[in-house]
Amino acid sequence: MNRQNKHQHASSFSQDAPCPVMLCLLGNFRLLVSGDLVPTRAGGKSEVLLSLLAFHSGRRMPREQLLQSLWPESGMALARNSLHNLVHHVNRLLGMALCGAACVLQEDGYYRLNLAAGIGVDVINFDRFVEDGDQQLHFGNAEVAMRSYDLAAQLYRGDMQVAADVQAVMERERLRARYLTLLAQLAEYNYQQGAYSVVLAYLWRLLEHDAYREDAHRLVMRCYVRRGERAAALHHYQICMDVLRTEFDAVPETATLILFEQIRLTPDQI
């Protein structure tokens, strides 16, 4: 099998059986066991512990960092005992789903998720789908790449919710920017395929997160024209103009104005 064909099959992980335990950080925290939602108290200690370990997946967290995050005002001895009890509780809660394996492992004063036992993290899967799509695009497999990008986009239920330290803020913004880029790529690809309703669905999701993306507004206008909805295209220009004026006291870019005039005067040339 040549190198390109190997890459055509690089997304095989996406066909694997779902992880028995899934930790979701994109949007509000969710804990899924065998696909079913396990209720957790918002902001509770179990949620915070699992969120922190999921955020640091692939790296070990020092005990002191966990203690400071979970019990910042408690004495060290009490905090250590509380952490021991919390880890025991989480391992009991999820042990059956992991065939008796521990969910949280402790090694020399460090803690980590037992990913090898069958714990998944949506952020890890998001990055894997994106990387797979990037590889497919590099080798000219646009259709396969878009399938991977769409799978990544489906995982993004909202911005990552983890304690807002500098590292978490930067990671949240990285993921958010990549998600918006995915939506733009998916929209542009489907526009070239003539799937204008699909394009609009991606664009509405993009604009929901970033209402000031004029490239997205322009593509919305083009889709309406291609669907024979010239009035809707002209109306959307007004929406774009109102959004920019309200938020930034700004006017649309020259490219947006030129497109508006083309739609108004020569829509058949769009």
Protein backbone atom coordinates (compact mmCIF):
# COMPACT_ATOMS: atom_id res chain seq x y z
CA MET A 1 0.00 0.00 0.00
CA ASN A 2 1.50 3.34 -0.99
CA ARG A 3 1.80 6.33 1.34
CA GLN A 4 -1.25 8.12 -0.02
CA ASN A 5 -3.48 5.07 0.37
CA LYS A 6 -2.24 4.65 3.92
CA HIS A 7 -3.38 8.17 4.65
CA GLN A 8 -6.72 7.49 3.04
CA HIS A 9 -7.29 5.02 5.87
CA ALA A 10 -5.80 7.16 8.63
CA SER A 11 -9.23 7.94 10.05
CA SER A 12 -9.83 4.35 11.09
CA PHE A 13 -9.89 5.39 14.76
CA SER A 14 -13.21 7.11 14.06
CA GLN A 15 -14.73 3.74 13.28
CA ASP A 16 -13.71 2.19 16.60
CA ALA A 17 -16.32 1.39 19.23
CA PRO A 18 -17.11 4.38 21.45
CA CYS A 19 -15.12 4.67 24.66
CA PRO A 20 -17.08 3.27 27.62
CA VAL A 21 -16.39 6.50 29.53
CA MET A 22 -16.36 9.84 27.74
CA LEU A 23 -15.46 13.19 29.29
CA CYS A 24 -16.77 16.18 27.38
CA LEU A 25 -15.25 19.62 27.93
CA LEU A 26 -16.59 21.36 24.82
CA GLY A 27 -19.65 23.18 26.08
CA ASN A 28 -20.90 22.38 29.54
CA PHE A 29 -19.09 19.46 31.20
CA ARG A 30 -20.67 16.10 30.50
CA LEU A 31 -19.81 12.63 31.75
CA LEU A 32 -21.05 9.81 29.51
CA VAL A 33 -20.95 6.14 30.42
CA SER A 34 -21.78 3.78 27.55
CA GLY A 35 -23.28 6.78 25.78
CA ASP A 36 -25.62 7.68 28.65
CA LEU A 37 -25.34 10.95 30.54
CA VAL A 38 -24.29 10.54 34.18
CA PRO A 39 -25.60 13.47 36.24
CA THR A 40 -22.92 15.44 38.06
CA ARG A 41 -23.29 18.49 40.24
CA ALA A 42 -22.23 21.57 38.29
CA GLY A 43 -19.02 22.84 39.83
CA GLY A 44 -18.88 19.86 42.20
CA LYS A 45 -15.60 18.28 43.21
CA SER A 46 -16.02 15.22 40.98
CA GLU A 47 -16.68 17.42 37.96
CA VAL A 48 -13.73 19.69 38.72
CA LEU A 49 -11.36 16.76 39.23
CA LEU A 50 -12.39 15.02 36.00
CA SER A 51 -12.32 18.30 34.07
CA LEU A 52 -8.80 19.12 35.20
CA LEU A 53 -7.48 15.64 34.47
CA ALA A 54 -9.22 15.60 31.07
CA PHE A 55 -7.76 19.01 30.23
CA HIS A 56 -4.30 17.69 31.09
CA SER A 57 -4.82 14.37 29.27
CA GLY A 58 -1.50 12.91 28.29
CA ARG A 59 0.22 14.75 31.13
CA ARG A 60 0.34 14.04 34.84
CA MET A 61 -0.97 16.57 37.34
CA PRO A 62 0.96 17.14 40.57
CA ARG A 63 -1.02 16.48 43.73
CA GLU A 64 -0.33 20.03 44.95
CA GLN A 65 -1.91 21.54 41.83
CA LEU A 66 -5.06 19.49 42.33
CA LEU A 67 -5.23 20.35 46.01
CA GLN A 68 -4.91 24.06 45.25
CA SER A 69 -7.65 23.88 42.62
CA LEU A 70 -10.06 21.78 44.67
CA TRP A 71 -9.48 22.93 48.26
CA PRO A 72 -7.57 26.24 48.11
CA GLU A 73 -8.42 27.21 51.67
CA SER A 74 -8.04 23.86 53.42
CA GLY A 75 -5.06 22.64 55.39
CA MET A 76 -2.70 20.28 53.54
CA ALA A 77 -3.53 17.18 55.60
CA LEU A 78 -7.28 17.67 55.27
CA ALA A 79 -7.01 18.43 51.54
CA ARG A 80 -4.92 15.30 50.92
CA ASN A 81 -7.43 13.14 52.73
CA SER A 82 -10.27 14.76 50.77
CA LEU A 83 -8.48 14.11 47.47
CA HIS A 84 -7.91 10.47 48.42
CA ASN A 85 -11.62 10.06 49.17
CA LEU A 86 -12.65 11.87 46.00
CA VAL A 87 -10.44 9.70 43.79
CA HIS A 88 -11.81 6.61 45.51
CA HIS A 89 -15.37 7.81 44.86
CA VAL A 90 -14.71 8.51 41.17
CA ASN A 91 -13.01 5.15 40.68
CA ARG A 92 -15.95 3.35 42.27
CA LEU A 93 -18.41 5.37 40.17
CA LEU A 94 -16.74 4.49 36.87
CA GLY A 95 -14.96 1.23 37.67
CA MET A 96 -17.73 -1.05 36.44
CA ALA A 97 -17.80 0.67 33.05
CA LEU A 98 -14.03 0.18 32.82
CA CYS A 99 -14.20 -3.53 33.72
CA GLY A 100 -12.82 -2.88 37.18
CA ALA A 101 -9.94 -0.65 36.08
CA ALA A 102 -9.29 2.61 37.92
CA CYS A 103 -10.38 5.79 36.18
CA VAL A 104 -7.83 7.95 37.98
CA LEU A 105 -4.29 6.69 38.49
CA GLN A 106 -1.88 7.95 41.14
CA GLU A 107 1.87 7.66 40.59
CA ASP A 108 4.50 9.22 42.86
CA GLY A 109 2.38 12.17 43.87
CA TYR A 110 0.99 12.71 40.35
CA TYR A 111 -2.49 11.95 39.00
CA ARG A 112 -3.71 11.15 35.51
CA LEU A 113 -6.63 9.64 33.67
CA ASN A 114 -6.35 5.98 32.75
CA LEU A 115 -6.95 6.57 29.05
CA ALA A 116 -5.76 3.06 28.17
CA ALA A 117 -8.67 1.59 30.16
CA GLY A 118 -11.22 3.14 27.83
CA ILE A 119 -11.63 6.79 28.79
CA GLY A 120 -12.18 9.24 25.96
CA VAL A 121 -11.95 13.03 25.95
CA ASP A 122 -13.85 15.03 23.35
CA VAL A 123 -11.03 17.57 22.94
CA ILE A 124 -8.60 14.77 22.06
CA ASN A 125 -11.05 13.37 19.50
CA PHE A 126 -11.66 16.84 18.08
CA ASP A 127 -7.94 17.34 17.46
CA ARG A 128 -7.60 13.85 15.98
CA PHE A 129 -10.39 14.45 13.48
CA VAL A 130 -8.88 17.80 12.53
CA GLU A 131 -5.41 16.31 12.08
CA ASP A 132 -6.84 13.47 10.00
CA GLY A 133 -8.71 15.98 7.82
CA ASP A 134 -5.57 18.07 7.38
CA GLN A 135 -3.66 14.99 6.24
CA GLN A 136 -6.39 14.00 3.78
CA LEU A 137 -6.48 17.54 2.38
CA HIS A 138 -2.70 17.53 2.00
CA PHE A 139 -2.95 14.41 -0.16
CA GLY A 140 -5.79 15.85 -2.24
CA ASN A 141 -8.61 13.81 -0.69
CA ALA A 142 -10.96 16.73 -0.16
CA GLU A 143 -14.14 14.70 0.23
CA VAL A 144 -12.60 12.46 2.89
CA ALA A 145 -11.09 15.49 4.60
CA MET A 146 -14.48 17.17 4.84
CA ARG A 147 -15.95 14.09 6.48
CA SER A 148 -13.28 14.28 9.17
CA TYR A 149 -13.80 18.02 9.58
CA ASP A 150 -17.55 17.49 9.93
CA LEU A 151 -16.99 14.87 12.63
CA ALA A 152 -14.80 17.36 14.49
CA ALA A 153 -17.43 20.09 14.13
CA GLN A 154 -20.10 17.78 15.52
CA LEU A 155 -18.07 17.39 18.71
CA TYR A 156 -17.92 21.14 19.29
CA ARG A 157 -21.00 21.84 21.43
CA GLY A 158 -19.57 25.10 22.74
CA ASP A 159 -16.38 26.73 24.01
CA MET A 160 -14.32 24.63 26.39
CA GLN A 161 -15.33 25.01 30.02
CA VAL A 162 -12.36 24.59 32.35
CA ALA A 163 -11.03 26.73 35.21
CA ALA A 164 -9.92 29.97 33.61
CA ASP A 165 -6.16 30.05 34.13
CA VAL A 166 -3.94 31.37 31.36
CA GLN A 167 -3.27 27.92 29.89
CA ALA A 168 -6.96 27.08 29.77
CA VAL A 169 -7.85 30.42 28.18
CA MET A 170 -5.26 29.93 25.44
CA GLU A 171 -6.43 26.38 24.78
CA ARG A 172 -10.06 27.48 24.66
CA GLU A 173 -9.22 30.15 22.09
CA ARG A 174 -7.15 27.69 20.01
CA LEU A 175 -10.04 25.24 19.85
CA ARG A 176 -12.56 27.98 19.10
CA ALA A 177 -10.46 29.40 16.27
CA ARG A 178 -9.95 25.94 14.76
CA TYR A 179 -13.68 25.23 14.96
CA LEU A 180 -14.53 28.43 13.11
CA THR A 181 -11.93 27.60 10.45
CA LEU A 182 -13.47 24.14 10.04
CA LEU A 183 -16.92 25.63 9.51
CA ALA A 184 -15.55 28.05 6.92
CA GLN A 185 -13.77 25.22 5.09
CA LEU A 186 -16.86 23.02 5.14
CA ALA A 187 -19.02 25.89 3.90
CA GLU A 188 -16.65 26.74 1.05
CA TYR A 189 -16.33 23.09 -0.03
CA ASN A 190 -20.08 22.58 -0.12
CA TYR A 191 -20.54 25.85 -1.97
CA GLN A 192 -18.27 24.52 -4.72
CA GLN A 193 -20.44 21.37 -4.76
CA GLY A 194 -23.61 23.42 -5.14
CA ALA A 195 -25.06 22.25 -1.80
CA TYR A 196 -26.25 25.71 -0.81
CA SER A 197 -28.59 24.68 2.00
CA VAL A 198 -25.73 22.73 3.60
CA VAL A 199 -23.50 25.77 3.21
CA LEU A 200 -26.01 27.97 4.99
CA ALA A 201 -26.28 25.52 7.87
CA TYR A 202 -22.52 25.71 8.44
CA LEU A 203 -22.49 29.48 8.05
CA TRP A 204 -25.23 30.02 10.64
CA ARG A 205 -23.17 28.02 13.11
CA LEU A 206 -20.10 30.08 12.28
CA LEU A 207 -21.92 33.40 12.62
CA GLU A 208 -23.47 32.27 15.89
CA HIS A 209 -19.94 32.21 17.33
CA ASP A 210 -18.52 35.14 15.35
CA ALA A 211 -21.20 37.45 13.97
CA TYR A 212 -18.59 39.82 12.51
CA ARG A 213 -17.03 37.45 9.96
CA GLU A 214 -17.70 39.32 6.73
CA ASP A 215 -16.39 36.45 4.60
CA ALA A 216 -19.18 34.34 6.09
CA HIS A 217 -21.77 37.05 5.48
CA ARG A 218 -20.65 37.34 1.86
CA LEU A 219 -20.98 33.60 1.35
CA VAL A 220 -24.49 33.71 2.84
CA MET A 221 -25.37 36.36 0.26
CA ARG A 222 -23.89 34.31 -2.58
CA CYS A 223 -25.83 31.23 -1.49
CA TYR A 224 -29.09 33.14 -1.52
CA VAL A 225 -28.38 34.39 -5.04
CA ARG A 226 -27.51 30.90 -6.25
CA ARG A 227 -30.81 29.66 -4.78
CA GLY A 228 -32.68 32.39 -6.65
CA GLU A 229 -33.39 34.38 -3.47
CA ARG A 230 -32.02 37.78 -4.47
CA ALA A 231 -34.20 39.69 -2.00
CA ALA A 232 -32.89 37.55 0.87
CA ALA A 233 -29.32 38.25 -0.25
CA LEU A 234 -29.93 42.00 -0.25
CA HIS A 235 -31.62 41.78 3.13
CA HIS A 236 -28.67 39.89 4.56
CA TYR A 237 -26.37 42.71 3.50
CA GLN A 238 -28.50 44.99 5.68
CA ILE A 239 -28.12 42.56 8.57
CA CYS A 240 -24.35 42.51 8.15
CA MET A 241 -24.24 46.30 8.00
CA ASP A 242 -26.39 46.65 11.14
CA VAL A 243 -24.25 44.18 13.10
CA LEU A 244 -21.03 46.02 12.25
CA ARG A 245 -22.52 49.42 13.01
CA THR A 246 -23.98 48.34 16.34
CA GLU A 247 -20.87 46.60 17.63
CA PHE A 248 -17.99 48.56 16.09
CA ASP A 249 -19.53 51.67 14.57
CA ALA A 250 -17.97 50.40 11.35
CA VAL A 251 -19.05 49.96 7.75
CA PRO A 252 -18.72 46.76 5.69
CA GLU A 253 -15.50 45.96 3.89
CA THR A 254 -15.11 47.02 0.28
CA ALA A 255 -15.50 43.41 -0.88
CA THR A 256 -18.87 43.19 0.87
CA LEU A 257 -20.07 46.45 -0.66
CA ILE A 258 -18.95 45.36 -4.14
CA LEU A 259 -20.83 42.07 -3.75
CA PHE A 260 -23.95 43.93 -2.65
CA GLU A 261 -23.80 46.11 -5.77
CA GLN A 262 -23.30 43.05 -7.97
CA ILE A 263 -26.33 41.37 -6.43
CA ARG A 264 -28.37 44.55 -6.82
CA LEU A 265 -27.39 45.23 -10.44
CA THR A 266 -26.13 42.00 -12.05
CA PRO A 267 -27.14 39.00 -9.91
CA ASP A 268 -26.82 36.65 -12.90
CA GLN A 269 -23.05 37.19 -12.79
CA ILE A 270 -22.68 35.93 -9.21
